[in-house]
C-alpha cells in the first residue's frame, strides 16, 4: 500500500510543479460561471459600446450552450439550476434583444416561474438572501433593467452613506457590507433615478450626495478596473452608472476594460480573475508536506504581495494579504494566515534577510490580532460587524489563523499571540456542533440539503489542534470524520455524500495528524489509496467554493494541491 501512495505523491508533485507559472507562482483556473458571464453580457448591453458587440454575442452563445435540461442555469457547468443564475442569464438575453434566443428565453422563464414558487420575483430573491442585500439588490436591479422585476419592489440603497468613512457604516446597520461600496454607489444612484415617490427630504439629500459618491467610487476603483477582481460586482457597477445616465463615465470605461479582459475565448467569464496568492501559499505548504523543495523566488513573490497601506474598501490596516496579486484584491484572514504558514515553516528556505522576514511576519501577526472578534473567533475582512456572513467569526478561518499564529511565534514572539490563540480555541469549543463537526464559511457542498460542508470544516479545524499539541482535540470530531468515510475509502461533504478528491484529501490530511489513533491512521491510509487511484493529468474540480452569498465555483488546482499535501503527510514526509 505504501509504495502506491509514494508513487502517487511523486506524480502529484510533478503535476503541481508543472502548473507553476513563469513568474514562479500558481495562478490556477477558476471554473467558467454562467452568473459572471451573464452579468458581463448585461453590462456590455447597457453600456452600448460597438466594440463589445462581438464579445456580447460570444457571452450569449456560451450561455445558450451551457444551460441545464430544465431550462435554467447554475453557477458552474456542474451546478444545478438556481434562481439567481437563471434570473441573470435571462436578463442578459432580454437586454441584448433580438429573436435568436427566443426559445431559450421561453424555457428559462418556465423554470423561473417554478423556482419562484408562485412568489413575485423580488420577494423570492429577497427571501433567498435574507438580511444580506449585498447581492440581492444588484440581481433585482439587473432584472428590472431587463423588464423582469419592478423597480418599486427593490429596496433602495442609501448612496449618501458612501460619503462617510467606512468605519462608520456599521453604526447605521447598513445592509450592504463595506467592500460592496461600488454597488451601493452605482446601483444606489440607479435606484434613486428609477424608483417613484419616496421621502422628498431623502431625495434632496441623495441628490446632494451624488458628486461626492461618484468621486469616492472613482477613488476606490483598482487600477485594473475590476472591483475585487470580480466580474459580477464590476459589471453591476458599470450597468448601474450607464443606465443612470452616465454611460461614458471614467469608472464605466475602466469597468469595461476589465470585463473585456475577463471574457475567455469561448465567451465565458469566471467569477473572479484568479486566486493566485491563496493557491501559491497552499501549494508551498503542500510541497513541503511532500518533502519537496520550493523555489526561493516563490517565497519572495509571496512576501512581496503583503499590503502596505490602508485599503480603500475595508479601511483595513497594512500587514495583510489578499487572495490575488492583482490590484482588486482585499486583505483577509484566510489568505494572511495561509501566507504566514508558507513563510514560517520549519523547513522554510533562506530567501531574504531575517530582519525583512521578521518585520513582514510581525506586521501580518499584528494585522490578524487586530482582526480577532470579541467572541474569540476570526472573521474574513472586518472585525466586529457580526451581522452579515463574511464579517462573522467562523470556525475554519479561526483554525487557520491559530495555526498561523502558532507557526509565527518563532519569528515574532509577541506576548499577545498566546492569549489570542487561547481565545480562538475557546471560540472553537463554543462553535462545535453536537455531532462533533464544524461548518466552514467559504466552502460548501452542492450535494448536501443545507449546502454546508461539515467534512471540510471539521478537517480544517482539526489541523489547529494538530498544530498545538497542548490543546486536546475533541474525540467526537475525529469520530465524526471517521463516520463520514465512504465504502470506496473516500469522503464527500457529509455522511452518505459521494466521495470527491477535495474532501478526501482534506480528511486524510486531518486524520494523519492523529497517528496514535489506529482507526484514524487506517482511515487516512485508505483515503490516500483513494487519492492514489484518482491522480491523473485531468483532475476535474468539484464546485466546492463559495463566493458572495452562495455563488459556487470550482478551482482547477484544489484537488491537486490538497492531494499533494495529504499524500505527503501519509507517506511520512510531512
Protein backbone atom coordinates (compact mmCIF):
# COMPACT_ATOMS: atom_id res chain seq x y z
CA UNK A 1 0.00 0.00 0.00
CA UNK A 2 2.74 2.47 0.93
CA UNK A 3 4.51 2.06 -2.44
CA UNK A 4 1.41 3.10 -4.35
CA UNK A 5 0.95 6.13 -2.08
CA UNK A 6 4.56 7.23 -2.53
CA UNK A 7 4.27 6.83 -6.30
CA UNK A 8 1.04 8.87 -6.32
CA UNK A 9 2.63 11.54 -4.15
CA UNK A 10 5.56 11.91 -6.54
CA UNK A 11 3.26 12.02 -9.57
CA UNK A 12 1.02 14.63 -7.94
CA UNK A 13 4.04 16.76 -7.06
CA UNK A 14 5.22 16.63 -10.68
CA UNK A 15 1.80 17.71 -11.91
CA UNK A 16 1.64 20.55 -9.39
CA UNK A 17 5.12 21.79 -10.18
CA UNK A 18 4.25 21.77 -13.88
CA UNK A 19 1.36 24.16 -13.16
CA UNK A 20 3.68 26.87 -11.83
CA UNK A 21 3.75 29.99 -13.99
CA UNK A 22 6.87 31.60 -15.42
CA UNK A 23 6.64 34.05 -12.54
CA UNK A 24 7.22 31.24 -10.01
CA UNK A 25 3.71 31.29 -8.56
CA UNK A 26 0.47 29.40 -9.15
CA UNK A 27 -2.40 31.16 -10.87
CA UNK A 28 -4.83 28.27 -11.29
CA UNK A 29 -8.03 28.41 -13.29
CA UNK A 30 -11.45 29.17 -11.88
CA UNK A 31 -14.46 27.49 -13.45
CA UNK A 32 -16.46 29.37 -16.04
CA UNK A 33 -19.52 30.93 -14.44
CA UNK A 34 -22.96 31.40 -16.01
CA UNK A 35 -23.64 34.10 -13.45
CA UNK A 36 -20.45 36.05 -14.22
CA UNK A 37 -20.93 35.58 -17.96
CA UNK A 38 -24.50 36.87 -17.74
CA UNK A 39 -23.61 39.98 -15.75
CA UNK A 40 -20.79 40.81 -18.15
CA UNK A 41 -23.21 40.46 -21.07
CA UNK A 42 -25.73 42.74 -19.37
CA UNK A 43 -23.04 45.34 -18.78
CA UNK A 44 -21.97 45.23 -22.43
CA UNK A 45 -25.60 45.71 -23.48
CA UNK A 46 -26.27 48.52 -21.01
CA UNK A 47 -23.15 50.44 -21.97
CA UNK A 48 -23.77 50.05 -25.70
CA UNK A 49 -20.21 50.21 -26.99
CA UNK A 50 -19.94 48.99 -30.56
CA UNK A 51 -16.60 47.35 -29.88
CA UNK A 52 -18.28 44.98 -27.41
CA UNK A 53 -20.92 43.54 -29.76
CA UNK A 54 -18.82 40.50 -30.71
CA UNK A 55 -17.97 39.77 -27.05
CA UNK A 56 -21.62 40.10 -26.10
CA UNK A 57 -22.63 37.61 -28.77
CA UNK A 58 -19.99 35.15 -27.54
CA UNK A 59 -21.31 35.56 -23.99
CA UNK A 60 -24.85 34.78 -25.14
CA UNK A 61 -23.80 31.81 -27.24
CA UNK A 62 -21.91 30.32 -24.30
CA UNK A 63 -24.94 30.79 -22.06
CA UNK A 64 -27.17 29.18 -24.68
CA UNK A 65 -24.84 26.20 -24.97
CA UNK A 66 -24.44 25.70 -21.22
CA UNK A 67 -27.93 25.78 -19.78
CA UNK A 68 -29.36 22.80 -17.92
CA UNK A 69 -32.04 20.46 -19.32
CA UNK A 70 -34.65 22.04 -17.04
CA UNK A 71 -34.22 25.37 -18.83
CA UNK A 72 -32.31 27.10 -16.04
CA UNK A 73 -28.70 27.86 -15.25
CA UNK A 74 -26.44 27.01 -12.34
CA UNK A 75 -23.35 28.89 -11.19
CA UNK A 76 -20.98 26.45 -12.92
CA UNK A 77 -21.49 23.94 -15.70
CA UNK A 78 -21.57 21.26 -12.98
CA UNK A 79 -24.20 23.06 -10.88
CA UNK A 80 -27.93 22.51 -10.68
CA UNK A 81 -30.12 25.37 -11.85
CA UNK A 82 -30.88 28.07 -9.33
CA UNK A 83 -32.97 31.22 -9.19
CA UNK A 84 -30.22 33.92 -9.16
CA UNK A 85 -28.14 32.48 -12.03
CA UNK A 86 -31.26 31.96 -14.15
CA UNK A 87 -32.57 35.47 -13.47
CA UNK A 88 -29.26 36.98 -14.52
CA UNK A 89 -28.96 34.80 -17.64
CA UNK A 90 -32.48 35.70 -18.77
CA UNK A 91 -31.77 39.36 -18.05
CA UNK A 92 -28.72 39.18 -20.30
CA UNK A 93 -30.75 37.76 -23.20
CA UNK A 94 -33.53 40.29 -22.70
CA UNK A 95 -31.21 43.29 -22.59
CA UNK A 96 -29.40 42.13 -25.72
CA UNK A 97 -32.68 41.95 -27.66
CA UNK A 98 -33.24 40.02 -30.87
CA UNK A 99 -35.11 36.81 -31.57
CA UNK A 100 -32.17 34.43 -31.93
CA UNK A 101 -32.59 33.03 -28.42
CA UNK A 102 -36.38 33.30 -28.02
CA UNK A 103 -36.90 29.58 -27.38
CA UNK A 104 -34.16 29.54 -24.76
CA UNK A 105 -35.71 32.57 -23.07
CA UNK A 106 -39.17 30.97 -23.05
CA UNK A 107 -37.88 27.76 -21.45
CA UNK A 108 -35.85 29.78 -18.94
CA UNK A 109 -38.92 31.76 -17.95
CA UNK A 110 -40.78 28.50 -17.33
CA UNK A 111 -38.01 27.39 -14.97
CA UNK A 112 -38.07 30.82 -13.30
CA UNK A 113 -41.78 30.53 -12.63
CA UNK A 114 -41.28 27.13 -10.98
CA UNK A 115 -38.28 28.25 -8.96
CA UNK A 116 -40.02 31.35 -7.62
CA UNK A 117 -42.75 29.11 -6.21
CA UNK A 118 -45.60 31.46 -7.01
CA UNK A 119 -43.92 34.49 -5.39
CA UNK A 120 -43.11 37.73 -7.13
CA UNK A 121 -39.53 37.60 -8.35
CA UNK A 122 -38.39 40.34 -5.99
CA UNK A 123 -39.95 38.59 -3.00
CA UNK A 124 -38.33 35.28 -3.95
CA UNK A 125 -34.86 36.81 -4.35
CA UNK A 126 -35.07 38.84 -1.15
CA UNK A 127 -36.26 35.79 0.79
CA UNK A 128 -33.37 33.75 -0.59
CA UNK A 129 -30.72 36.14 0.73
CA UNK A 130 -32.43 37.26 3.94
CA UNK A 131 -30.89 40.34 5.57
CA UNK A 132 -27.94 40.44 3.19
CA UNK A 133 -28.63 42.94 0.40
CA UNK A 134 -25.09 42.66 -1.00
CA UNK A 135 -26.16 40.51 -3.92
CA UNK A 136 -29.98 40.55 -3.78
CA UNK A 137 -30.37 44.21 -4.76
CA UNK A 138 -27.90 44.05 -7.69
CA UNK A 139 -29.66 40.93 -9.06
CA UNK A 140 -33.02 42.68 -8.89
CA UNK A 141 -31.66 45.86 -10.48
CA UNK A 142 -30.31 43.79 -13.36
CA UNK A 143 -33.69 42.06 -13.65
CA UNK A 144 -35.58 45.36 -13.56
CA UNK A 145 -33.43 46.76 -16.36
CA UNK A 146 -34.47 43.71 -18.39
CA UNK A 147 -38.15 44.11 -17.52
CA UNK A 148 -38.27 41.04 -15.26
CA UNK A 149 -38.82 42.90 -11.98
CA UNK A 150 -40.48 46.13 -10.82
CA UNK A 151 -38.33 48.98 -9.58
CA UNK A 152 -40.71 49.75 -6.74
CA UNK A 153 -40.20 46.23 -5.33
CA UNK A 154 -36.46 46.75 -4.89
CA UNK A 155 -35.15 48.17 -1.59
CA UNK A 156 -33.39 51.50 -2.01
CA UNK A 157 -29.69 51.79 -1.28
CA UNK A 158 -28.59 54.79 0.80
CA UNK A 159 -25.84 56.01 -1.50
CA UNK A 160 -25.45 59.14 0.65
CA UNK A 161 -23.76 56.99 3.30
CA UNK A 162 -20.93 56.24 0.89
CA UNK A 163 -19.51 59.67 1.68
CA UNK A 164 -18.93 58.58 5.29
CA UNK A 165 -15.74 56.84 6.47
CA UNK A 166 -16.02 53.07 6.06
CA UNK A 167 -15.61 52.56 9.80
CA UNK A 168 -18.84 54.49 10.38
CA UNK A 169 -21.08 52.33 8.21
CA UNK A 170 -21.73 49.69 10.86
CA UNK A 171 -23.31 52.28 13.13
CA UNK A 172 -26.04 52.75 10.52
CA UNK A 173 -26.74 48.97 10.40
CA UNK A 174 -26.17 49.15 6.66
CA UNK A 175 -27.43 46.08 4.82
CA UNK A 176 -24.56 46.16 2.28
CA UNK A 177 -21.10 45.29 3.53
CA UNK A 178 -18.27 47.77 3.15
CA UNK A 179 -16.50 46.01 0.31
CA UNK A 180 -19.68 46.30 -1.80
CA UNK A 181 -19.41 50.09 -1.95
CA UNK A 182 -19.31 50.03 -5.79
CA UNK A 183 -22.78 48.50 -5.82
CA UNK A 184 -24.01 50.81 -3.07
CA UNK A 185 -22.98 53.86 -5.09
CA UNK A 186 -23.73 52.88 -8.68
CA UNK A 187 -26.93 50.93 -8.06
CA UNK A 188 -27.97 53.33 -5.32
CA UNK A 189 -27.84 56.07 -7.95
CA UNK A 190 -29.75 53.92 -10.43
CA UNK A 191 -32.49 53.14 -7.89
CA UNK A 192 -32.68 56.80 -6.91
CA UNK A 193 -33.44 57.69 -10.51
CA UNK A 194 -35.76 54.79 -11.27
CA UNK A 195 -37.92 54.46 -8.15
CA UNK A 196 -41.03 56.64 -7.90
CA UNK A 197 -42.13 58.50 -4.79
CA UNK A 198 -40.23 58.25 -1.56
CA UNK A 199 -39.36 60.79 1.09
CA UNK A 200 -38.71 64.20 -0.57
CA UNK A 201 -36.09 65.11 2.03
CA UNK A 202 -34.24 61.87 1.37
CA UNK A 203 -34.34 62.65 -2.35
CA UNK A 204 -32.80 66.07 -1.77
CA UNK A 205 -30.09 64.54 0.42
CA UNK A 206 -29.25 61.91 -2.18
CA UNK A 207 -29.11 64.44 -4.99
CA UNK A 208 -26.66 66.49 -2.95
CA UNK A 209 -24.54 63.41 -2.21
CA UNK A 210 -24.17 62.23 -5.83
CA UNK A 211 -20.98 64.21 -6.73
CA UNK A 212 -19.17 63.04 -3.59
CA UNK A 213 -20.36 59.46 -4.10
CA UNK A 214 -19.12 59.35 -7.68
CA UNK A 215 -15.80 60.83 -6.60
CA UNK A 216 -15.45 58.11 -3.97
CA UNK A 217 -16.35 55.41 -6.48
CA UNK A 218 -13.58 56.59 -8.78
CA UNK A 219 -11.11 56.76 -5.89
CA UNK A 220 -11.70 53.16 -4.77
CA UNK A 221 -11.64 51.62 -8.25
CA UNK A 222 -8.49 49.49 -8.60
CA UNK A 223 -6.01 50.35 -11.32
CA UNK A 224 -7.08 47.29 -13.32
CA UNK A 225 -10.69 48.42 -13.31
CA UNK A 226 -12.13 45.34 -11.60
CA UNK A 227 -13.74 45.77 -8.18
CA UNK A 228 -12.50 42.81 -6.08
CA UNK A 229 -11.28 41.37 -9.41
CA UNK A 230 -14.87 40.12 -9.66
CA UNK A 231 -16.81 40.28 -12.92
CA UNK A 232 -20.28 40.44 -11.29
CA UNK A 233 -19.52 43.36 -8.97
CA UNK A 234 -17.68 45.21 -11.75
CA UNK A 235 -20.50 44.57 -14.22
CA UNK A 236 -23.13 45.80 -11.74
CA UNK A 237 -21.15 49.00 -11.23
CA UNK A 238 -20.89 49.57 -14.99
CA UNK A 239 -24.54 48.88 -15.82
CA UNK A 240 -25.74 50.92 -12.84
CA UNK A 241 -23.90 54.04 -13.92
CA UNK A 242 -24.69 53.55 -17.60
CA UNK A 243 -28.44 53.13 -17.01
CA UNK A 244 -28.43 56.04 -14.55
CA UNK A 245 -27.37 58.31 -17.39
CA UNK A 246 -23.57 58.12 -17.12
CA UNK A 247 -22.58 55.63 -19.86
CA UNK A 248 -19.31 57.48 -20.58
CA UNK A 249 -18.16 57.98 -17.02
CA UNK A 250 -14.49 57.14 -16.45
CA UNK A 251 -15.45 54.42 -13.95
CA UNK A 252 -17.56 52.75 -16.64
CA UNK A 253 -14.67 52.88 -19.09
CA UNK A 254 -12.35 51.11 -16.65
CA UNK A 255 -15.02 48.57 -15.71
CA UNK A 256 -15.47 47.66 -19.36
CA UNK A 257 -11.72 47.31 -19.86
CA UNK A 258 -11.66 44.79 -17.02
CA UNK A 259 -14.69 42.87 -18.32
CA UNK A 260 -13.22 42.68 -21.82
CA UNK A 261 -10.08 41.10 -20.44
CA UNK A 262 -12.18 38.67 -18.38
CA UNK A 263 -14.01 37.15 -21.36
CA UNK A 264 -12.45 33.83 -22.31
CA UNK A 265 -12.11 32.67 -25.94
CA UNK A 266 -15.25 30.52 -25.61
CA UNK A 267 -17.26 33.53 -24.42
CA UNK A 268 -17.43 32.55 -20.74
CA UNK A 269 -16.31 34.59 -17.74
CA UNK A 270 -15.03 33.30 -14.36
CA UNK A 271 -16.41 34.60 -11.07
CA UNK A 272 -13.03 36.18 -10.21
CA UNK A 273 -9.76 36.61 -12.08
CA UNK A 274 -7.68 34.19 -10.02
CA UNK A 275 -6.75 33.03 -6.51
CA UNK A 276 -3.02 33.32 -7.06
CA UNK A 277 -1.88 34.17 -3.52
CA UNK A 278 -4.24 31.64 -1.93
CA UNK A 279 -3.15 28.88 -4.31
CA UNK A 280 0.54 29.68 -4.05
CA UNK A 281 0.61 29.68 -0.26
CA UNK A 282 -1.33 26.39 -0.25
CA UNK A 283 0.96 24.86 -2.88
CA UNK A 284 4.06 25.84 -0.89
CA UNK A 285 2.69 24.16 2.25
CA UNK A 286 1.63 21.10 0.26
CA UNK A 287 5.01 20.61 -1.42
CA UNK A 288 6.76 20.94 1.92
CA UNK A 289 4.45 18.29 3.37
CA UNK A 290 5.50 16.07 0.48
CA UNK A 291 9.19 16.70 1.17
CA UNK A 292 9.75 18.75 -1.99
CA UNK A 293 11.77 21.97 -2.21
CA UNK A 294 10.11 25.30 -3.00
CA UNK A 295 11.84 27.87 -5.23
CA UNK A 296 13.08 30.85 -3.22
CA UNK A 297 11.57 33.05 -5.95
CA UNK A 298 8.15 31.76 -4.96
CA UNK A 299 8.68 32.75 -1.33
CA UNK A 300 9.94 36.17 -2.36
CA UNK A 301 6.86 36.56 -4.55
CA UNK A 302 4.56 35.76 -1.62
CA UNK A 303 6.42 38.15 0.65
CA UNK A 304 6.03 40.88 -1.96
CA UNK A 305 2.23 40.57 -2.02
CA UNK A 306 1.76 41.92 1.50
CA UNK A 307 -0.45 45.02 1.54
CA UNK A 308 1.49 48.01 2.84
CA UNK A 309 -1.25 50.65 3.00
CA UNK A 310 -4.78 51.18 4.30
CA UNK A 311 -7.24 49.50 1.94
CA UNK A 312 -9.90 51.81 0.47
CA UNK A 313 -12.73 49.24 0.62
CA UNK A 314 -12.47 47.97 4.18
CA UNK A 315 -10.17 50.58 5.76
CA UNK A 316 -8.01 47.56 6.58
CA UNK A 317 -4.67 48.39 8.20
CA UNK A 318 -1.38 47.45 6.49
CA UNK A 319 0.02 43.96 7.01
CA UNK A 320 -2.48 41.54 5.49
CA UNK A 321 -2.57 39.52 2.28
CA UNK A 322 -5.39 39.17 -0.27
CA UNK A 323 -6.34 36.12 -2.35
CA UNK A 324 -4.77 37.52 -5.52
CA UNK A 325 -1.76 39.58 -6.52
CA UNK A 326 -3.95 41.71 -8.77
CA UNK A 327 -5.00 45.24 -7.76
CA UNK A 328 -8.61 44.33 -6.88
CA UNK A 329 -7.70 42.01 -4.01
CA UNK A 330 -8.65 42.80 -0.40
CA UNK A 331 -6.65 41.58 2.63
CA UNK A 332 -8.44 38.86 4.59
CA UNK A 333 -7.84 36.47 7.47
CA UNK A 334 -7.67 33.23 5.48
CA UNK A 335 -5.07 34.41 2.96
CA UNK A 336 -2.97 36.21 5.55
CA UNK A 337 -2.88 33.03 7.61
CA UNK A 338 -2.01 30.94 4.56
CA UNK A 339 0.94 33.12 3.60
CA UNK A 340 2.27 33.29 7.16
CA UNK A 341 2.23 29.49 7.29
CA UNK A 342 4.09 29.31 3.99
CA UNK A 343 6.73 31.80 5.13
CA UNK A 344 7.33 30.48 8.66
CA UNK A 345 7.62 26.72 8.21
CA UNK A 346 10.49 25.00 9.96
CA UNK A 347 11.69 23.98 6.51
CA UNK A 348 11.47 27.46 5.01
CA UNK A 349 14.35 28.07 2.64
CA UNK A 350 16.54 31.13 3.24
CA UNK A 351 15.10 33.58 0.74
CA UNK A 352 15.54 37.01 2.34
CA UNK A 353 17.22 38.80 5.22
CA UNK A 354 15.97 37.60 8.61
CA UNK A 355 15.04 41.14 9.62
CA UNK A 356 12.92 41.60 6.49
CA UNK A 357 11.03 38.38 7.15
CA UNK A 358 10.59 39.17 10.84
CA UNK A 359 9.13 42.59 10.01
CA UNK A 360 6.70 41.11 7.48
CA UNK A 361 5.63 38.39 9.91
CA UNK A 362 5.23 40.89 12.74
CA UNK A 363 3.05 43.09 10.55
CA UNK A 364 0.94 40.09 9.50
CA UNK A 365 0.56 38.83 13.07
CA UNK A 366 -0.46 42.28 14.30
CA UNK A 367 -2.97 42.53 11.47
CA UNK A 368 -4.55 39.22 12.48
CA UNK A 369 -4.59 40.09 16.17
CA UNK A 370 -6.42 43.35 15.46
CA UNK A 371 -8.98 41.43 13.40
CA UNK A 372 -9.98 38.99 16.15
CA UNK A 373 -13.61 39.40 17.17
CA UNK A 374 -14.83 39.77 20.75
CA UNK A 375 -16.13 36.20 20.66
CA UNK A 376 -12.56 34.96 20.13
CA UNK A 377 -13.04 33.92 16.52
CA UNK A 378 -11.84 35.49 13.30
CA UNK A 379 -13.99 36.96 10.52
CA UNK A 380 -12.99 37.35 6.90
CA UNK A 381 -12.44 41.06 6.38
CA UNK A 382 -13.63 43.31 9.21
CA UNK A 383 -13.67 43.00 12.96
CA UNK A 384 -16.81 43.48 14.95
CA UNK A 385 -19.59 43.66 12.36
CA UNK A 386 -21.03 40.21 13.12
CA UNK A 387 -24.25 40.78 11.18
CA UNK A 388 -23.52 39.54 7.69
CA UNK A 389 -21.87 36.21 6.81
CA UNK A 390 -18.48 37.48 5.68
CA UNK A 391 -17.88 39.56 8.79
CA UNK A 392 -18.87 36.98 11.37
CA UNK A 393 -16.39 34.72 13.09
CA UNK A 394 -16.11 31.28 11.53
CA UNK A 395 -14.52 28.06 12.67
CA UNK A 396 -12.39 27.32 9.60
CA UNK A 397 -10.91 30.83 9.49
CA UNK A 398 -10.24 30.76 13.22
CA UNK A 399 -8.45 27.43 12.99
CA UNK A 400 -6.32 28.65 10.09
CA UNK A 401 -5.31 31.77 12.00
CA UNK A 402 -4.47 29.73 15.10
CA UNK A 403 -2.10 27.63 13.03
CA UNK A 404 -0.51 30.74 11.50
CA UNK A 405 -0.02 32.48 14.85
CA UNK A 406 1.48 29.35 16.36
CA UNK A 407 3.94 28.99 13.46
CA UNK A 408 4.80 32.70 13.51
CA UNK A 409 5.73 32.83 17.20
CA UNK A 410 9.33 31.78 16.50
CA UNK A 411 9.78 34.73 14.13
CA UNK A 412 7.82 37.28 16.14
CA UNK A 413 7.49 36.27 19.81
CA UNK A 414 4.69 38.70 20.62
CA UNK A 415 3.22 38.35 24.14
CA UNK A 416 -0.24 38.72 22.58
CA UNK A 417 -0.05 35.58 20.48
CA UNK A 418 -0.70 33.03 23.22
CA UNK A 419 -3.80 34.81 24.62
CA UNK A 420 -5.17 35.27 21.11
CA UNK A 421 -4.73 31.56 20.40
CA UNK A 422 -6.41 30.71 23.69
CA UNK A 423 -9.44 32.85 22.84
CA UNK A 424 -9.52 31.24 19.41
CA UNK A 425 -9.69 27.74 20.87
CA UNK A 426 -12.44 28.85 23.23
CA UNK A 427 -14.41 30.08 20.22
CA UNK A 428 -13.89 26.71 18.52
CA UNK A 429 -15.14 24.93 21.63
CA UNK A 430 -18.31 27.02 21.67
CA UNK A 431 -18.95 26.67 17.94
CA UNK A 432 -18.61 22.88 17.92
CA UNK A 433 -21.76 21.17 16.65
CA UNK A 434 -23.41 18.47 18.73
CA UNK A 435 -22.19 15.74 16.39
CA UNK A 436 -18.55 16.85 16.71
CA UNK A 437 -18.43 18.75 13.43
CA UNK A 438 -17.75 22.36 12.45
CA UNK A 439 -19.15 24.26 9.50
CA UNK A 440 -16.84 26.29 7.25
CA UNK A 441 -17.68 29.70 5.80
CA UNK A 442 -16.12 29.86 2.35
CA UNK A 443 -16.61 26.25 1.28
CA UNK A 444 -19.82 24.30 0.96
CA UNK A 445 -21.32 21.41 -0.97
CA UNK A 446 -23.96 21.33 -3.64
CA UNK A 447 -24.71 17.74 -2.58
CA UNK A 448 -25.98 18.35 0.97
CA UNK A 449 -29.52 19.55 1.72
CA UNK A 450 -28.36 22.66 3.57
CA UNK A 451 -25.39 23.24 1.20
CA UNK A 452 -22.99 23.06 4.15
CA UNK A 453 -19.78 21.05 4.21
CA UNK A 454 -19.09 19.69 7.70
CA UNK A 455 -16.31 17.37 6.47
CA UNK A 456 -14.39 20.35 5.09
CA UNK A 457 -14.96 22.42 8.22
CA UNK A 458 -14.06 19.64 10.64
CA UNK A 459 -10.95 18.67 8.70
CA UNK A 460 -9.70 22.26 8.65
CA UNK A 461 -10.37 22.83 12.33
CA UNK A 462 -8.65 19.61 13.44
CA UNK A 463 -5.44 20.92 11.86
CA UNK A 464 -5.38 23.67 14.50
CA UNK A 465 -5.35 21.07 17.28
CA UNK A 466 -2.64 19.18 15.42
CA UNK A 467 -0.50 22.34 15.39
CA UNK A 468 -1.00 22.96 19.13
CA UNK A 469 -0.49 19.58 20.85
CA UNK A 470 -1.05 21.07 24.29
CA UNK A 471 -4.72 21.55 23.39
CA UNK A 472 -6.54 18.24 23.08
CA UNK A 473 -8.76 17.77 20.05
CA UNK A 474 -12.36 16.73 20.71
CA UNK A 475 -12.62 12.97 20.29
CA UNK A 476 -16.08 13.45 18.82
CA UNK A 477 -14.62 15.45 15.93
CA UNK A 478 -12.24 12.68 14.91
CA UNK A 479 -15.10 10.21 15.23
CA UNK A 480 -17.27 12.45 13.07
CA UNK A 481 -14.74 12.36 10.23
CA UNK A 482 -14.42 8.60 10.56
CA UNK A 483 -18.20 8.20 10.44
CA UNK A 484 -18.39 10.10 7.12
CA UNK A 485 -15.98 7.83 5.27
CA UNK A 486 -17.49 6.03 2.28
CA UNK A 487 -17.01 2.39 1.31
CA UNK A 488 -14.67 3.43 -1.53
CA UNK A 489 -12.26 4.85 1.06
CA UNK A 490 -13.02 8.48 0.25
CA UNK A 491 -15.10 11.27 1.72
CA UNK A 492 -17.81 13.57 0.45
CA UNK A 493 -19.06 16.67 2.23
CA UNK A 494 -21.07 14.64 4.76
CA UNK A 495 -22.07 11.10 5.58
CA UNK A 496 -23.53 9.36 2.55
CA UNK A 497 -22.40 12.01 0.07
CA UNK A 498 -20.40 10.84 -2.95
CA UNK A 499 -16.63 10.94 -2.49
CA UNK A 500 -14.60 13.73 -4.08
CA UNK A 501 -10.88 14.26 -4.33
CA UNK A 502 -11.15 17.57 -2.47
CA UNK A 503 -12.95 16.35 0.65
CA UNK A 504 -10.98 13.11 0.73
CA UNK A 505 -7.66 14.95 0.63
CA UNK A 506 -8.68 17.29 3.44
CA UNK A 507 -9.97 14.45 5.62
CA UNK A 508 -6.79 12.42 5.05
CA UNK A 509 -4.62 15.42 5.94
CA UNK A 510 -6.55 15.97 9.15
CA UNK A 511 -6.62 12.32 10.25
CA UNK A 512 -2.91 11.88 9.57
CA UNK A 513 -2.33 14.24 12.48
CA UNK A 514 -3.54 11.58 14.91
CA UNK A 515 -1.08 8.70 14.40
CA UNK A 516 -1.82 7.34 17.86
CA UNK A 517 -5.43 6.69 16.90
CA UNK A 518 -5.38 3.41 14.98
CA UNK A 519 -8.79 3.95 13.40
CA UNK A 520 -7.71 7.39 12.17
CA UNK A 521 -4.43 6.01 10.86
CA UNK A 522 -6.12 3.23 8.91
CA UNK A 523 -8.75 5.60 7.51
CA UNK A 524 -6.02 8.00 6.39
CA UNK A 525 -4.21 5.18 4.61
CA UNK A 526 -7.41 4.08 2.91
CA UNK A 527 -8.17 7.65 1.88
CA UNK A 528 -4.66 8.02 0.49
CA UNK A 529 -5.25 4.93 -1.63
CA UNK A 530 -8.45 6.54 -2.94
CA UNK A 531 -6.41 9.58 -3.92
CA UNK A 532 -3.71 7.43 -5.49
CA UNK A 533 -6.33 5.83 -7.75
CA UNK A 534 -7.57 9.24 -8.85
CA UNK A 535 -4.36 11.15 -9.53
CA UNK A 536 -4.27 11.99 -13.22
CA UNK A 537 -3.42 14.70 -15.73
CA UNK A 538 -7.11 15.69 -15.79
CA UNK A 539 -8.50 16.03 -12.27
CA UNK A 540 -11.84 17.74 -12.65
CA UNK A 541 -12.56 20.07 -9.75
CA UNK A 542 -15.83 19.91 -7.85
CA UNK A 543 -17.90 23.07 -7.29
CA UNK A 544 -16.83 23.34 -3.68
CA UNK A 545 -16.09 27.03 -3.28
CA UNK A 546 -18.50 29.75 -2.28
CA UNK A 547 -18.25 33.37 -3.32
CA UNK A 548 -20.65 36.19 -2.48
CA UNK A 549 -23.81 34.70 -0.97
CA UNK A 550 -23.55 31.10 -2.18
CA UNK A 551 -22.15 31.55 -5.65
CA UNK A 552 -20.46 28.27 -6.48
CA UNK A 553 -17.14 27.85 -8.22
CA UNK A 554 -14.55 25.17 -8.84
CA UNK A 555 -10.79 25.71 -8.96
CA UNK A 556 -8.61 23.55 -11.16
CA UNK A 557 -5.77 23.27 -8.63
CA UNK A 558 -7.74 22.46 -5.48
CA UNK A 559 -7.80 18.68 -5.98
CA UNK A 560 -4.13 18.63 -6.96
CA UNK A 561 -2.78 20.86 -4.17
CA UNK A 562 -4.77 19.18 -1.44
CA UNK A 563 -3.84 15.70 -2.74
CA UNK A 564 -0.14 16.58 -2.65
CA UNK A 565 -0.42 17.62 0.99
CA UNK A 566 -2.48 14.58 2.00
CA UNK A 567 -0.29 12.05 0.23
CA UNK A 568 2.83 13.71 1.58
CA UNK A 569 1.65 13.52 5.17
CA UNK A 570 0.56 9.89 4.87
CA UNK A 571 3.78 8.92 3.13
CA UNK A 572 5.65 10.20 6.19
CA UNK A 573 7.34 13.24 4.67
CA UNK A 574 5.30 15.97 6.37
